[in-house]
């Protein structure tokens, strides 16, 4: 059963428009410039400090109103999974490699946008009419696929350029559909918190690069900020589709409509127990629906953040999404709203005394 309670923060049309711009931008790991430009445009009128570091992270600060505040780092990654051109072939075809974790089974026939000019291409292979029954038994590999740009556009790009899925963002009833909602939902949330920060903390917002290929930007950002505590804001797979036997899948407890997912553990991080308890208390006292992300694989920027300097207490909070790392992700508007609410009120209630508790 999905929660339908109104969020303490109602997402406006302006925020949806911003998410649409962020989702439609192409920012495959290592070439995050399109999203970085949007972030800088949005936050520069509000942040007290803004800089872009050597890797391309955007590091922004909103100062607290009181003395000796906690320095709290929030991280959301700007990059997305996609492709890199590796070899030109005759006729505007390009061999490519995937950037980040993409299942080759979702690629055949998908439209893509290539290079700075967003040249239209398609991931092509032989149609079913020209394959043998034996060939159809096996999933295609990336090596068997090509990005087809056509003769004319093929001459306008070079090997090394990135390509991303061409999916356009849309709202479908209570759902949001688009590419790269992992993690443009988090990026949009951090922008909102920079604009409307809780006054009691020194807010250090890191819009990070290269998360999808090894959490690279977050480690650099955390070293630079040297925060007292950090929260990674991301998207997490909602494994709530029907099971193979036709029954509802209840074996994984992160679901659309269940509210923000608080991490206990993933493949890269054991979250700080004090922060887990704090977020749960906040959610329950404020009436914000939440769910505990089932420990397992995957990871967020928290995996790199918590190992910097002398160690940094960290937790991850994610918006649940379906179809992660595919051309079209799906999320619920209320889950995004409630994630923003939990982050704001969690920060608002955060105090140094929390860390005097035993872990």
Protein backbone atom coordinates (compact mmCIF):
# COMPACT_ATOMS: atom_id res chain seq x y z
CA UNK A 1 0.00 0.00 0.00
CA UNK A 2 1.43 3.37 -1.00
CA UNK A 3 1.41 6.35 1.35
CA UNK A 4 -0.68 9.30 0.21
CA UNK A 5 -0.11 11.79 3.03
CA UNK A 6 0.75 15.30 1.85
CA UNK A 7 4.39 16.25 2.19
CA UNK A 8 5.45 19.16 4.42
CA UNK A 9 7.18 20.47 1.27
CA UNK A 10 5.05 20.67 -1.82
CA UNK A 11 7.01 20.45 -5.05
CA UNK A 12 6.17 23.46 -7.21
CA UNK A 13 5.99 23.73 -10.98
CA UNK A 14 9.29 25.61 -10.88
CA UNK A 15 10.97 22.68 -9.13
CA UNK A 16 9.47 20.23 -11.63
CA UNK A 17 10.74 22.41 -14.47
CA UNK A 18 14.20 22.36 -12.90
CA UNK A 19 14.11 18.57 -12.56
CA UNK A 20 13.08 18.32 -16.21
CA UNK A 21 16.06 20.43 -17.28
CA UNK A 22 18.40 18.36 -15.12
CA UNK A 23 17.00 15.04 -16.34
CA UNK A 24 17.16 15.98 -20.01
CA UNK A 25 20.75 17.25 -19.77
CA UNK A 26 23.39 14.74 -20.86
CA UNK A 27 26.16 14.37 -18.28
CA UNK A 28 27.81 10.97 -18.61
CA UNK A 29 30.58 10.37 -16.06
CA UNK A 30 33.64 12.46 -16.85
CA UNK A 31 31.68 15.05 -18.86
CA UNK A 32 29.23 16.58 -16.37
CA UNK A 33 29.39 20.10 -17.83
CA UNK A 34 25.70 20.40 -18.80
CA UNK A 35 24.42 19.62 -15.32
CA UNK A 36 27.20 21.65 -13.71
CA UNK A 37 26.11 24.72 -15.70
CA UNK A 38 22.51 24.33 -14.48
CA UNK A 39 23.63 23.86 -10.87
CA UNK A 40 25.83 26.96 -10.95
CA UNK A 41 23.09 29.05 -12.53
CA UNK A 42 20.62 27.98 -9.82
CA UNK A 43 22.77 28.27 -6.69
CA UNK A 44 25.09 31.22 -7.28
CA UNK A 45 22.51 33.84 -6.19
CA UNK A 46 21.99 32.00 -2.89
CA UNK A 47 25.26 30.32 -1.81
CA UNK A 48 27.76 32.16 0.37
CA UNK A 49 30.65 30.34 -1.28
CA UNK A 50 30.81 28.49 -4.61
CA UNK A 51 33.73 26.94 -6.42
CA UNK A 52 34.45 24.23 -8.96
CA UNK A 53 37.34 21.96 -8.02
CA UNK A 54 39.93 20.24 -10.21
CA UNK A 55 37.72 17.21 -10.93
CA UNK A 56 34.62 19.30 -11.73
CA UNK A 57 32.72 18.98 -8.46
CA UNK A 58 30.61 22.00 -7.53
CA UNK A 59 31.27 22.85 -3.88
CA UNK A 60 28.84 25.33 -2.30
CA UNK A 61 28.39 26.58 1.26
CA UNK A 62 25.51 28.28 3.09
CA UNK A 63 26.71 29.66 6.41
CA UNK A 64 24.80 29.02 9.63
CA UNK A 65 23.27 31.81 11.67
CA UNK A 66 24.66 30.70 15.04
CA UNK A 67 28.18 30.17 16.37
CA UNK A 68 30.16 26.93 16.17
CA UNK A 69 27.61 25.08 14.02
CA UNK A 70 27.98 21.55 12.80
CA UNK A 71 29.54 21.39 9.36
CA UNK A 72 27.20 19.10 7.41
CA UNK A 73 28.11 17.88 3.94
CA UNK A 74 25.32 16.82 1.59
CA UNK A 75 26.40 15.07 -1.60
CA UNK A 76 24.47 14.33 -4.79
CA UNK A 77 26.13 13.16 -7.98
CA UNK A 78 25.71 15.02 -11.27
CA UNK A 79 26.84 12.21 -13.55
CA UNK A 80 24.80 9.47 -15.21
CA UNK A 81 25.49 6.15 -16.88
CA UNK A 82 25.98 6.23 -20.64
CA UNK A 83 28.48 5.52 -23.39
CA UNK A 84 31.84 6.59 -24.78
CA UNK A 85 32.75 6.32 -28.45
CA UNK A 86 35.89 4.20 -28.91
CA UNK A 87 36.30 3.58 -32.66
CA UNK A 88 34.85 5.01 -35.87
CA UNK A 89 33.72 2.61 -38.56
CA UNK A 90 32.65 3.31 -42.13
CA UNK A 91 29.23 4.88 -42.69
CA UNK A 92 28.84 6.81 -39.42
CA UNK A 93 28.93 3.74 -37.17
CA UNK A 94 30.86 3.83 -33.91
CA UNK A 95 31.99 1.10 -31.59
CA UNK A 96 31.36 2.14 -27.99
CA UNK A 97 31.86 1.11 -24.39
CA UNK A 98 29.42 1.58 -21.54
CA UNK A 99 30.20 4.06 -18.77
CA UNK A 100 28.83 2.82 -15.46
CA UNK A 101 26.63 -0.19 -14.86
CA UNK A 102 24.30 -0.80 -17.82
CA UNK A 103 22.70 -4.11 -18.75
CA UNK A 104 23.33 -4.69 -22.49
CA UNK A 105 19.86 -6.26 -22.78
CA UNK A 106 18.23 -2.80 -22.59
CA UNK A 107 20.30 -1.23 -25.38
CA UNK A 108 19.13 -2.52 -28.76
CA UNK A 109 17.22 0.08 -30.77
CA UNK A 110 17.53 2.82 -28.14
CA UNK A 111 17.92 6.42 -29.36
CA UNK A 112 20.90 8.31 -27.97
CA UNK A 113 22.32 11.83 -28.05
CA UNK A 114 25.99 12.09 -28.95
CA UNK A 115 28.55 14.79 -28.19
CA UNK A 116 28.18 18.44 -27.29
CA UNK A 117 25.68 19.06 -30.11
CA UNK A 118 23.37 16.23 -28.99
CA UNK A 119 23.53 14.60 -32.39
CA UNK A 120 20.82 11.94 -32.70
CA UNK A 121 21.92 8.35 -33.01
CA UNK A 122 20.55 4.90 -32.40
CA UNK A 123 22.11 1.79 -30.90
CA UNK A 124 21.79 -0.69 -33.74
CA UNK A 125 22.18 -4.35 -34.55
CA UNK A 126 20.70 -6.75 -37.07
CA UNK A 127 16.89 -7.02 -36.94
CA UNK A 128 15.22 -10.23 -35.81
CA UNK A 129 14.38 -11.14 -39.44
CA UNK A 130 18.09 -11.53 -40.24
CA UNK A 131 19.12 -13.58 -37.22
CA UNK A 132 19.06 -17.34 -36.75
CA UNK A 133 17.13 -19.14 -34.00
CA UNK A 134 20.45 -20.04 -32.36
CA UNK A 135 21.56 -16.40 -32.33
CA UNK A 136 18.31 -15.32 -30.68
CA UNK A 137 18.92 -17.64 -27.73
CA UNK A 138 21.80 -15.50 -26.47
CA UNK A 139 21.74 -11.92 -25.22
CA UNK A 140 23.74 -9.53 -27.34
CA UNK A 141 26.99 -8.13 -25.97
CA UNK A 142 28.16 -4.53 -26.23
CA UNK A 143 30.83 -5.67 -28.70
CA UNK A 144 28.07 -6.72 -31.12
CA UNK A 145 26.35 -3.32 -31.00
CA UNK A 146 27.11 0.00 -32.69
CA UNK A 147 25.92 3.58 -32.38
CA UNK A 148 24.66 4.65 -35.79
CA UNK A 149 24.93 8.39 -36.44
CA UNK A 150 24.65 8.32 -40.22
CA UNK A 151 27.29 9.45 -42.70
CA UNK A 152 26.93 13.21 -42.18
CA UNK A 153 26.64 13.37 -38.38
CA UNK A 154 29.23 10.64 -37.98
CA UNK A 155 31.84 13.08 -39.29
CA UNK A 156 30.98 15.67 -36.62
CA UNK A 157 32.10 13.62 -33.59
CA UNK A 158 35.32 11.98 -32.50
CA UNK A 159 36.26 8.97 -30.44
CA UNK A 160 36.24 9.80 -26.75
CA UNK A 161 32.98 11.75 -26.90
CA UNK A 162 30.11 10.70 -24.66
CA UNK A 163 26.60 9.60 -25.57
CA UNK A 164 23.54 9.41 -23.34
CA UNK A 165 20.02 8.07 -23.60
CA UNK A 166 17.65 10.41 -25.46
CA UNK A 167 14.65 9.93 -23.17
CA UNK A 168 12.71 13.13 -22.41
CA UNK A 169 11.37 13.80 -18.92
CA UNK A 170 7.63 13.67 -18.31
CA UNK A 171 5.14 13.53 -15.46
CA UNK A 172 2.60 10.70 -15.59
CA UNK A 173 0.02 11.15 -12.84
CA UNK A 174 1.78 10.55 -9.52
CA UNK A 175 4.93 9.36 -11.29
CA UNK A 176 8.00 11.06 -12.70
CA UNK A 177 9.65 9.39 -15.70
CA UNK A 178 13.00 10.26 -17.22
CA UNK A 179 16.57 9.24 -17.74
CA UNK A 180 19.14 9.99 -15.06
CA UNK A 181 16.68 10.52 -12.21
CA UNK A 182 19.57 8.72 -10.51
CA UNK A 183 20.69 11.18 -9.31
CA UNK A 184 19.08 14.33 -10.68
CA UNK A 185 16.43 13.91 -7.96
CA UNK A 186 19.23 14.34 -5.43
CA UNK A 187 20.80 17.23 -7.32
CA UNK A 188 17.47 19.07 -7.40
CA UNK A 189 16.98 18.43 -3.67
CA UNK A 190 20.39 19.90 -2.84
CA UNK A 191 19.66 22.96 -4.95
CA UNK A 192 16.44 23.48 -2.97
CA UNK A 193 18.30 23.16 0.34
CA UNK A 194 20.91 25.70 -0.77
CA UNK A 195 18.06 28.09 -1.55
CA UNK A 196 16.19 27.36 1.70
CA UNK A 197 18.69 26.02 4.24
CA UNK A 198 18.02 25.18 7.88
CA UNK A 199 19.72 28.00 9.81
CA UNK A 200 21.43 25.90 12.47
CA UNK A 201 24.04 24.06 10.34
CA UNK A 202 26.90 25.04 8.07
CA UNK A 203 25.53 23.46 4.89
CA UNK A 204 28.26 22.12 2.61
CA UNK A 205 26.68 21.00 -0.67
CA UNK A 206 28.78 18.82 -2.96
CA UNK A 207 27.46 18.25 -6.47
CA UNK A 208 29.82 15.46 -7.35
CA UNK A 209 31.28 13.93 -10.49
CA UNK A 210 32.16 10.37 -11.51
CA UNK A 211 30.02 8.61 -8.91
CA UNK A 212 28.89 5.97 -11.40
CA UNK A 213 32.45 4.83 -12.08
CA UNK A 214 33.77 4.64 -8.53
CA UNK A 215 32.60 7.50 -6.25
CA UNK A 216 35.61 9.51 -7.37
CA UNK A 217 34.41 13.07 -6.97
CA UNK A 218 32.91 12.55 -3.53
CA UNK A 219 36.19 11.55 -1.92
CA UNK A 220 37.89 14.70 -3.18
CA UNK A 221 34.94 16.86 -2.09
CA UNK A 222 34.83 15.38 1.41
CA UNK A 223 38.58 15.90 1.87
CA UNK A 224 38.18 19.55 0.87
CA UNK A 225 35.14 20.23 3.06
CA UNK A 226 36.33 18.23 6.10
CA UNK A 227 32.76 18.07 7.49
CA UNK A 228 31.64 16.93 10.93
CA UNK A 229 28.95 14.74 9.38
CA UNK A 230 27.73 13.88 5.87
CA UNK A 231 24.60 12.67 4.10
CA UNK A 232 24.62 11.20 0.60
CA UNK A 233 21.40 11.96 -1.29
CA UNK A 234 20.78 9.52 -4.10
CA UNK A 235 18.29 7.19 -5.78
CA UNK A 236 17.93 3.50 -4.94
CA UNK A 237 16.32 0.63 -6.86
CA UNK A 238 12.72 -0.13 -5.88
CA UNK A 239 12.46 -3.86 -6.34
CA UNK A 240 8.68 -3.91 -6.13
CA UNK A 241 7.70 -5.44 -9.45
CA UNK A 242 5.68 -8.66 -9.68
CA UNK A 243 7.75 -11.77 -9.04
CA UNK A 244 8.28 -14.44 -11.70
CA UNK A 245 5.36 -16.48 -10.33
CA UNK A 246 2.93 -13.57 -10.71
CA UNK A 247 2.77 -12.73 -7.02
CA UNK A 248 3.75 -9.35 -5.59
CA UNK A 249 7.46 -9.22 -4.78
CA UNK A 250 7.79 -8.68 -1.04
CA UNK A 251 11.33 -9.98 -0.74
CA UNK A 252 12.86 -6.52 -0.97
CA UNK A 253 11.48 -3.71 1.12
CA UNK A 254 12.37 -0.55 -0.82
CA UNK A 255 9.26 0.39 -2.76
CA UNK A 256 7.75 3.26 -4.71
CA UNK A 257 5.35 5.24 -2.53
CA UNK A 258 7.04 4.22 0.72
CA UNK A 259 8.91 7.46 1.27
CA UNK A 260 12.66 8.16 1.47
CA UNK A 261 14.90 5.14 1.98
CA UNK A 262 17.31 5.35 4.92
CA UNK A 263 20.38 3.16 4.51
CA UNK A 264 21.64 0.83 7.20
CA UNK A 265 24.32 -0.72 5.00
CA UNK A 266 25.28 -1.25 1.38
CA UNK A 267 28.30 -2.69 -0.43
CA UNK A 268 30.42 0.38 0.30
CA UNK A 269 29.22 1.75 3.66
CA UNK A 270 27.97 0.90 7.12
CA UNK A 271 25.90 3.96 8.03
CA UNK A 272 26.49 5.68 11.36
CA UNK A 273 23.85 4.25 13.79
CA UNK A 274 23.36 7.62 15.47
CA UNK A 275 22.38 9.21 12.16
CA UNK A 276 20.05 6.31 11.33
CA UNK A 277 18.29 6.72 14.70
CA UNK A 278 18.14 10.49 14.26
CA UNK A 279 16.49 10.29 10.85
CA UNK A 280 13.99 7.66 12.01
CA UNK A 281 13.05 9.78 15.04
CA UNK A 282 12.66 12.83 12.83
CA UNK A 283 10.47 11.00 10.33
CA UNK A 284 8.22 9.51 13.01
CA UNK A 285 7.83 12.76 14.97
CA UNK A 286 7.15 14.79 11.82
CA UNK A 287 4.81 12.22 10.26
CA UNK A 288 7.07 11.70 7.24
CA UNK A 289 6.77 8.22 5.70
CA UNK A 290 10.12 6.44 5.43
CA UNK A 291 11.55 3.02 4.72
CA UNK A 292 14.74 1.21 5.63
CA UNK A 293 16.73 0.33 2.56
CA UNK A 294 17.41 -3.37 2.78
CA UNK A 295 21.15 -3.98 3.29
CA UNK A 296 22.80 -5.39 0.22
CA UNK A 297 24.73 -4.37 -2.87
CA UNK A 298 25.18 -1.06 -4.57
CA UNK A 299 26.53 2.08 -2.99
CA UNK A 300 26.42 5.86 -2.89
CA UNK A 301 28.92 8.70 -2.49
CA UNK A 302 28.89 7.85 1.23
CA UNK A 303 31.27 4.99 0.44
CA UNK A 304 34.05 7.44 -0.41
CA UNK A 305 33.10 10.19 2.02
CA UNK A 306 33.29 8.24 5.28
CA UNK A 307 36.92 7.19 4.71
CA UNK A 308 38.36 10.69 4.37
CA UNK A 309 40.74 12.24 6.90
CA UNK A 310 40.03 10.86 10.41
CA UNK A 311 36.70 9.38 9.30
CA UNK A 312 33.35 11.09 8.80
CA UNK A 313 30.00 9.90 10.24
CA UNK A 314 27.75 9.29 7.26
CA UNK A 315 24.36 8.03 6.19
CA UNK A 316 22.59 7.77 2.83
CA UNK A 317 19.02 8.84 2.07
CA UNK A 318 17.60 7.91 -1.32
CA UNK A 319 14.49 8.37 -3.41
CA UNK A 320 13.27 4.92 -4.56
CA UNK A 321 13.18 4.50 -8.35
CA UNK A 322 12.25 1.72 -10.73
CA UNK A 323 14.37 0.72 -13.74
CA UNK A 324 17.65 2.24 -12.50
CA UNK A 325 20.45 2.51 -15.07
CA UNK A 326 18.05 2.10 -18.00
CA UNK A 327 16.76 4.62 -20.58
CA UNK A 328 13.68 5.48 -18.46
CA UNK A 329 13.52 5.55 -14.66
CA UNK A 330 10.30 5.98 -12.71
CA UNK A 331 9.84 7.68 -9.35
CA UNK A 332 6.93 9.02 -7.30
CA UNK A 333 6.52 12.76 -6.79
CA UNK A 334 5.52 12.22 -3.13
CA UNK A 335 8.66 10.19 -2.44
CA UNK A 336 10.77 13.07 -3.73
CA UNK A 337 8.81 15.59 -1.65
CA UNK A 338 9.11 13.49 1.48
CA UNK A 339 12.84 12.98 0.92
CA UNK A 340 13.30 16.73 0.82
CA UNK A 341 11.18 17.07 3.98
CA UNK A 342 13.20 14.46 5.85
CA UNK A 343 16.48 16.08 4.85
CA UNK A 344 15.37 19.56 5.92
CA UNK A 345 13.88 18.53 9.26
CA UNK A 346 16.71 16.10 9.94
CA UNK A 347 19.22 18.91 9.50
CA UNK A 348 17.05 21.35 11.46
CA UNK A 349 17.07 19.00 14.46
CA UNK A 350 20.74 18.04 14.23
CA UNK A 351 23.00 19.07 17.11
CA UNK A 352 26.53 18.26 18.28
CA UNK A 353 25.06 16.39 21.27
CA UNK A 354 23.98 13.59 18.90
CA UNK A 355 27.60 12.56 18.50
CA UNK A 356 28.20 12.30 22.23
CA UNK A 357 25.91 9.25 22.15
CA UNK A 358 27.44 5.80 21.97
CA UNK A 359 27.40 4.44 18.44
